[in-house]
Amino acid sequence: MEQKNKIPSQISKGDRIRIVSPSGAITPEIIDNAEKMLLNAGYEVIVGKHAKCEYFRFAGTAEERLSDLQEAFNDQETKAIFCSRGGYGAIQILDNIDMTGFRKNPKWLIGFSDITAIHAMLQFHGYASMHAPMLKHLTEQGWGDKYVCHMFDILEGRKVEYSSPGNLLNRTGHATGILKGGNLAVLNGLRGTKYDYIPKDTILILEDTGERPYQIDRMLWNLKIGGIFDNISGLIIGSFTGYEDDMSMGKNTYGIISDIIAQYDFPVCFGFPVGHTEDNEPLVLGAKVELCVSTLTTTLKYIQPLKK
């Protein structure tokens, strides 16, 4: 059964944006620069009390990180929450998040990589969120960047569609479904939990960084044996970065992925601009989309209104 997800309301200049760090520690100057950019653009900005903290590899203790995120969820004036970076740590606070305040006033949650865990939690509760660039990208690329523009187009209720060049490994076809997924390793870390939910007719997007080809192979076999690929209506393979191809596996990494999904007939796009690169399209996870893959191009568009 297709899962309906509530789309947060669009934001406008003057609205409140919060910056939080639910995962890894971040260079404080990146938060400072992002805060200035957002203030200069006309938004109200509140930085979480512990957003610039460092506790070993984390942005504060689990309790501190949860406190900032919970305050943002509870604040009825906040319209969007920017996660400062990924890294690791979101799963440590996931099951202690209280959704009571969020349900009264759903808001955009923005981030990717380790933030995939929070996206999965929100979709479990029936809310869409945005898999999108974070503060480092925002501050380094600026307002003229295509992907930053697309992110704020979505936030402010303007129409966004995506196009990606063809790939020899693409499998052509057309599909509709609810967009889900994100970072492959994080999704595998949620397998067997209540947040591990990929319903029938999902269009699944996967990306990752720093994982060796045999690890990618293992995680994809987990999805296959677990029946995930039996449910989906389309597959979008984003960027896989931060590794060297291991030809002892017999194929490069995209070839490994292609072999694992060879038996299925859903459309597949390779090399979609999403992941740990400068080419990182903002995507509304939990929204209904249409995927069209041809030999020359892939298009993805929303068929569920995002403007409210």
Protein backbone atom coordinates (compact mmCIF):
# COMPACT_ATOMS: atom_id res chain seq x y z
CA MET A 1 0.00 0.00 0.00
CA GLU A 2 1.30 3.43 -0.94
CA GLN A 3 2.29 5.41 2.15
CA LYS A 4 0.98 8.99 2.24
CA ASN A 5 3.43 11.46 3.74
CA LYS A 6 2.59 14.95 4.95
CA ILE A 7 4.55 17.66 3.12
CA PRO A 8 5.67 20.55 5.35
CA SER A 9 4.44 24.03 4.47
CA GLN A 10 6.57 26.28 2.30
CA ILE A 11 8.74 28.89 3.98
CA SER A 12 9.04 32.62 3.31
CA LYS A 13 11.56 35.35 4.05
CA GLY A 14 11.30 36.26 7.71
CA ASP A 15 10.50 32.71 8.77
CA ARG A 16 12.54 30.95 11.43
CA ILE A 17 15.23 28.46 10.46
CA ARG A 18 17.14 26.46 13.07
CA ILE A 19 20.61 24.96 12.69
CA VAL A 20 21.34 21.78 14.66
CA SER A 21 24.12 19.17 14.71
CA PRO A 22 22.59 15.76 15.48
CA SER A 23 25.59 13.75 14.29
CA GLY A 24 29.26 14.61 13.84
CA ALA A 25 31.19 17.62 15.09
CA ILE A 26 31.57 20.49 12.63
CA THR A 27 34.00 23.38 12.28
CA PRO A 28 32.20 26.22 14.09
CA GLU A 29 33.10 28.75 11.37
CA ILE A 30 30.96 26.83 8.89
CA ILE A 31 27.92 27.33 11.11
CA ASP A 32 28.82 31.00 11.61
CA ASN A 33 29.11 31.58 7.87
CA ALA A 34 25.85 29.76 7.13
CA GLU A 35 24.06 31.75 9.82
CA LYS A 36 25.25 35.01 8.23
CA MET A 37 24.17 33.88 4.77
CA LEU A 38 20.69 32.95 5.94
CA LEU A 39 20.30 36.14 7.98
CA ASN A 40 21.40 38.25 5.02
CA ALA A 41 18.86 36.43 2.85
CA GLY A 42 16.09 37.58 5.17
CA TYR A 43 15.42 34.57 7.41
CA GLU A 44 15.39 34.46 11.18
CA VAL A 45 18.09 32.03 12.32
CA ILE A 46 18.54 30.22 15.62
CA VAL A 47 21.64 28.08 16.14
CA GLY A 48 21.26 25.18 18.53
CA LYS A 49 22.94 25.63 21.90
CA HIS A 50 25.19 22.62 21.30
CA ALA A 51 25.51 22.81 17.50
CA LYS A 52 29.17 23.87 17.68
CA CYS A 53 30.13 21.46 20.46
CA GLU A 54 32.66 18.68 20.14
CA TYR A 55 32.54 15.49 22.17
CA PHE A 56 35.03 13.04 20.69
CA ARG A 57 33.78 12.67 17.09
CA PHE A 58 30.28 13.90 17.92
CA ALA A 59 28.71 17.36 18.09
CA GLY A 60 28.14 17.00 21.82
CA THR A 61 26.89 14.12 23.90
CA ALA A 62 23.83 12.19 22.74
CA GLU A 63 21.77 14.10 25.30
CA GLU A 64 23.02 17.48 24.03
CA ARG A 65 22.40 16.62 20.39
CA LEU A 66 18.93 15.31 21.20
CA SER A 67 18.16 18.44 23.22
CA ASP A 68 18.87 20.77 20.28
CA LEU A 69 16.90 18.66 17.81
CA GLN A 70 14.00 18.26 20.22
CA GLU A 71 13.86 22.00 20.84
CA ALA A 72 13.71 22.56 17.09
CA PHE A 73 10.97 19.93 16.69
CA ASN A 74 8.95 21.49 19.50
CA ASP A 75 9.23 25.13 18.39
CA GLN A 76 5.96 26.06 16.70
CA GLU A 77 7.58 29.08 14.97
CA THR A 78 10.34 27.08 13.28
CA LYS A 79 9.66 26.32 9.60
CA ALA A 80 12.87 24.51 8.63
CA ILE A 81 15.68 22.67 10.40
CA PHE A 82 19.10 22.54 8.76
CA CYS A 83 21.35 19.72 9.96
CA SER A 84 24.88 21.12 9.90
CA ARG A 85 26.61 17.93 8.68
CA GLY A 86 26.45 14.16 8.69
CA GLY A 87 29.28 12.01 10.03
CA TYR A 88 27.92 9.58 12.58
CA GLY A 89 25.65 9.67 15.62
CA ALA A 90 22.04 10.24 14.57
CA ILE A 91 21.07 6.65 15.31
CA GLN A 92 22.06 7.16 18.97
CA ILE A 93 19.22 9.67 19.50
CA LEU A 94 16.66 8.33 17.04
CA ASP A 95 14.40 6.41 19.39
CA ASN A 96 14.28 9.19 21.99
CA ILE A 97 12.86 11.88 19.72
CA ASP A 98 9.40 13.01 20.84
CA MET A 99 7.19 13.76 17.82
CA THR A 100 4.39 15.51 19.77
CA GLY A 101 5.47 19.07 18.95
CA PHE A 102 6.45 18.21 15.39
CA ARG A 103 2.99 16.78 14.68
CA LYS A 104 1.41 20.08 15.73
CA ASN A 105 3.56 21.98 13.25
CA PRO A 106 5.46 19.82 10.72
CA LYS A 107 8.59 21.49 9.41
CA TRP A 108 11.30 20.76 6.85
CA LEU A 109 14.23 18.65 8.05
CA ILE A 110 17.20 19.09 5.70
CA GLY A 111 20.38 17.05 5.37
CA PHE A 112 21.85 13.84 3.97
CA SER A 113 24.44 11.15 4.70
CA ASP A 114 24.04 10.17 8.39
CA ILE A 115 20.86 12.30 8.46
CA THR A 116 19.30 9.48 6.40
CA ALA A 117 18.44 7.90 9.78
CA ILE A 118 16.31 10.91 10.79
CA HIS A 119 14.65 10.95 7.38
CA ALA A 120 13.70 7.30 7.86
CA MET A 121 12.29 8.08 11.31
CA LEU A 122 10.19 10.95 9.94
CA GLN A 123 8.80 8.80 7.13
CA PHE A 124 7.96 6.09 9.68
CA HIS A 125 5.77 8.73 11.34
CA GLY A 126 4.32 9.86 8.00
CA TYR A 127 6.26 13.06 7.22
CA ALA A 128 8.30 14.01 4.17
CA SER A 129 11.74 15.61 4.55
CA MET A 130 14.55 16.83 2.32
CA HIS A 131 17.68 14.86 1.42
CA ALA A 132 19.85 17.82 0.45
CA PRO A 133 23.21 19.62 0.73
CA MET A 134 24.23 20.86 4.15
CA LEU A 135 26.09 23.88 5.51
CA LYS A 136 29.54 23.26 4.02
CA HIS A 137 28.04 23.11 0.53
CA LEU A 138 25.89 26.17 1.22
CA THR A 139 28.80 28.29 2.43
CA GLU A 140 31.32 27.15 -0.19
CA GLN A 141 29.04 27.22 -3.24
CA GLY A 142 26.83 30.17 -2.32
CA TRP A 143 23.44 31.34 -3.54
CA GLY A 144 24.30 31.00 -7.22
CA ASP A 145 24.81 27.24 -6.97
CA LYS A 146 22.27 25.17 -8.91
CA TYR A 147 21.61 22.78 -6.03
CA VAL A 148 21.29 25.50 -3.41
CA CYS A 149 18.81 27.24 -5.72
CA HIS A 150 16.81 24.02 -6.12
CA MET A 151 16.79 23.51 -2.35
CA PHE A 152 15.29 26.93 -1.71
CA ASP A 153 12.93 26.54 -4.67
CA ILE A 154 11.46 23.54 -2.85
CA LEU A 155 11.44 25.26 0.53
CA GLU A 156 9.71 28.33 -0.90
CA GLY A 157 7.16 26.37 -2.93
CA ARG A 158 8.53 26.69 -6.47
CA LYS A 159 8.44 23.82 -8.97
CA VAL A 160 11.55 21.66 -9.35
CA GLU A 161 12.25 18.90 -11.88
CA TYR A 162 15.47 16.97 -12.43
CA SER A 163 17.36 15.71 -15.46
CA SER A 164 20.40 13.44 -15.56
CA PRO A 165 22.47 12.25 -18.59
CA GLY A 166 22.13 8.68 -19.77
CA ASN A 167 24.43 5.87 -18.67
CA LEU A 168 25.27 2.64 -20.50
CA LEU A 169 24.13 0.66 -17.45
CA ASN A 170 20.75 2.40 -17.26
CA ARG A 171 17.65 0.25 -17.67
CA THR A 172 14.96 2.20 -19.47
CA GLY A 173 11.40 2.48 -18.30
CA HIS A 174 8.81 4.55 -16.48
CA ALA A 175 7.69 4.28 -12.86
CA THR A 176 5.82 6.18 -10.19
CA GLY A 177 6.06 5.78 -6.45
CA ILE A 178 7.11 7.26 -3.13
CA LEU A 179 10.75 8.42 -3.10
CA LYS A 180 12.75 6.83 -0.27
CA GLY A 181 16.31 5.96 0.59
CA GLY A 182 19.54 7.90 0.97
CA ASN A 183 22.85 6.66 2.31
CA LEU A 184 23.26 2.92 1.77
CA ALA A 185 25.32 2.22 4.90
CA VAL A 186 22.91 4.14 7.13
CA LEU A 187 19.93 2.33 5.63
CA ASN A 188 21.67 -0.99 6.28
CA GLY A 189 22.22 0.12 9.87
CA LEU A 190 18.45 0.44 10.23
CA ARG A 191 17.67 -3.02 8.83
CA GLY A 192 15.49 -5.00 11.23
CA THR A 193 14.29 -1.90 13.09
CA LYS A 194 10.87 -0.28 12.90
CA TYR A 195 12.38 2.37 10.61
CA ASP A 196 13.28 -0.28 8.04
CA TYR A 197 10.25 0.18 5.83
CA ILE A 198 10.37 0.13 2.02
CA PRO A 199 6.78 -0.49 0.88
CA LYS A 200 5.61 -1.68 -2.51
CA ASP A 201 6.10 0.79 -5.39
CA THR A 202 8.87 2.70 -3.66
CA ILE A 203 11.34 4.52 -5.91
CA LEU A 204 14.57 3.90 -4.04
CA ILE A 205 17.60 6.17 -4.16
CA LEU A 206 21.01 5.02 -2.93
CA GLU A 207 24.36 6.78 -2.50
CA ASP A 208 27.43 6.37 -0.31
CA THR A 209 31.01 7.37 0.36
CA GLY A 210 34.06 5.67 1.81
CA GLU A 211 32.71 2.14 1.51
CA ARG A 212 34.87 -0.49 -0.20
CA PRO A 213 33.35 -2.30 -3.18
CA TYR A 214 32.98 -5.59 -1.27
CA GLN A 215 31.14 -3.71 1.49
CA ILE A 216 28.80 -2.15 -1.07
CA ASP A 217 28.25 -5.61 -2.56
CA ARG A 218 27.44 -7.06 0.89
CA MET A 219 24.97 -4.29 1.73
CA LEU A 220 23.18 -4.62 -1.60
CA TRP A 221 22.90 -8.38 -1.15
CA ASN A 222 21.33 -7.67 2.23
CA LEU A 223 18.68 -5.58 0.47
CA LYS A 224 18.18 -8.24 -2.18
CA ILE A 225 17.89 -11.21 0.17
CA GLY A 226 15.67 -9.10 2.44
CA GLY A 227 13.17 -8.61 -0.40
CA ILE A 228 13.65 -4.86 -0.82
CA PHE A 229 14.18 -5.09 -4.57
CA ASP A 230 11.01 -7.15 -4.90
CA ASN A 231 8.99 -4.17 -3.65
CA ILE A 232 10.42 -1.19 -5.48
CA SER A 233 9.16 0.24 -8.78
CA GLY A 234 12.36 2.10 -9.68
CA LEU A 235 15.97 2.51 -8.56
CA ILE A 236 18.16 5.62 -8.65
CA ILE A 237 21.87 5.07 -8.09
CA GLY A 238 23.60 8.28 -7.05
CA SER A 239 27.28 8.92 -6.45
CA PHE A 240 29.52 6.33 -4.79
CA THR A 241 32.71 8.13 -3.82
CA GLY A 242 35.75 7.93 -1.55
CA TYR A 243 36.97 4.46 -2.61
CA GLU A 244 39.03 2.73 -5.28
CA ASP A 245 37.49 0.14 -7.56
CA ASP A 246 38.52 -3.38 -6.59
CA MET A 247 38.80 -5.40 -9.77
CA SER A 248 39.28 -8.57 -7.73
CA MET A 249 35.48 -8.31 -7.45
CA GLY A 250 35.35 -8.88 -11.22
CA LYS A 251 33.62 -5.56 -11.99
CA ASN A 252 33.80 -1.91 -11.10
CA THR A 253 31.32 -0.76 -8.45
CA TYR A 254 28.54 0.26 -10.83
CA GLY A 255 29.00 -3.09 -12.57
CA ILE A 256 28.60 -4.88 -9.21
CA ILE A 257 25.35 -3.03 -8.59
CA SER A 258 24.10 -3.75 -12.10
CA ASP A 259 24.72 -7.49 -11.70
CA ILE A 260 22.91 -7.68 -8.36
CA ILE A 261 19.73 -6.12 -9.78
CA ALA A 262 19.90 -7.82 -13.21
CA GLN A 263 16.91 -10.11 -12.61
CA TYR A 264 14.45 -7.27 -11.95
CA ASP A 265 12.56 -5.31 -14.58
CA PHE A 266 12.14 -1.91 -12.88
CA PRO A 267 13.84 1.14 -14.47
CA VAL A 268 17.30 1.96 -13.15
CA CYS A 269 19.28 5.19 -13.39
CA PHE A 270 23.02 5.22 -12.72
CA GLY A 271 24.99 8.35 -11.89
CA PHE A 272 22.12 10.55 -10.75
CA PRO A 273 23.54 13.77 -9.21
CA VAL A 274 23.02 13.04 -5.53
CA GLY A 275 25.54 12.12 -2.85
CA HIS A 276 28.86 13.20 -1.40
CA THR A 277 29.86 15.43 -4.31
CA GLU A 278 29.25 19.03 -5.36
CA ASP A 279 26.52 17.66 -7.64
CA ASN A 280 23.91 16.93 -5.00
CA GLU A 281 20.30 17.54 -5.92
CA PRO A 282 17.84 18.19 -3.08
CA LEU A 283 15.18 15.47 -3.04
CA VAL A 284 11.94 15.30 -1.07
CA LEU A 285 11.91 11.88 0.54
CA GLY A 286 8.37 10.71 1.17
CA ALA A 287 6.94 12.56 -1.85
CA LYS A 288 5.32 10.83 -4.80
CA VAL A 289 7.46 11.09 -7.94
CA GLU A 290 7.60 9.99 -11.55
CA LEU A 291 10.84 8.46 -12.87
CA CYS A 292 11.49 8.21 -16.62
CA VAL A 293 14.72 6.55 -17.78
CA SER A 294 15.66 6.57 -21.47
CA THR A 295 18.91 5.86 -23.29
CA LEU A 296 19.76 9.56 -23.41
CA THR A 297 18.43 11.01 -20.18
CA THR A 298 16.69 10.40 -16.87
CA THR A 299 13.98 12.72 -15.61
CA LEU A 300 12.47 12.83 -12.15
CA LYS A 301 9.54 15.02 -11.22
CA TYR A 302 7.11 15.40 -8.34
CA ILE A 303 3.52 14.38 -8.98
CA GLN A 304 2.51 15.28 -5.43
CA PRO A 305 2.09 19.03 -4.83
CA LEU A 306 4.88 20.41 -2.62
CA LYS A 307 3.40 23.90 -2.25
CA LYS A 308 1.10 24.49 0.73
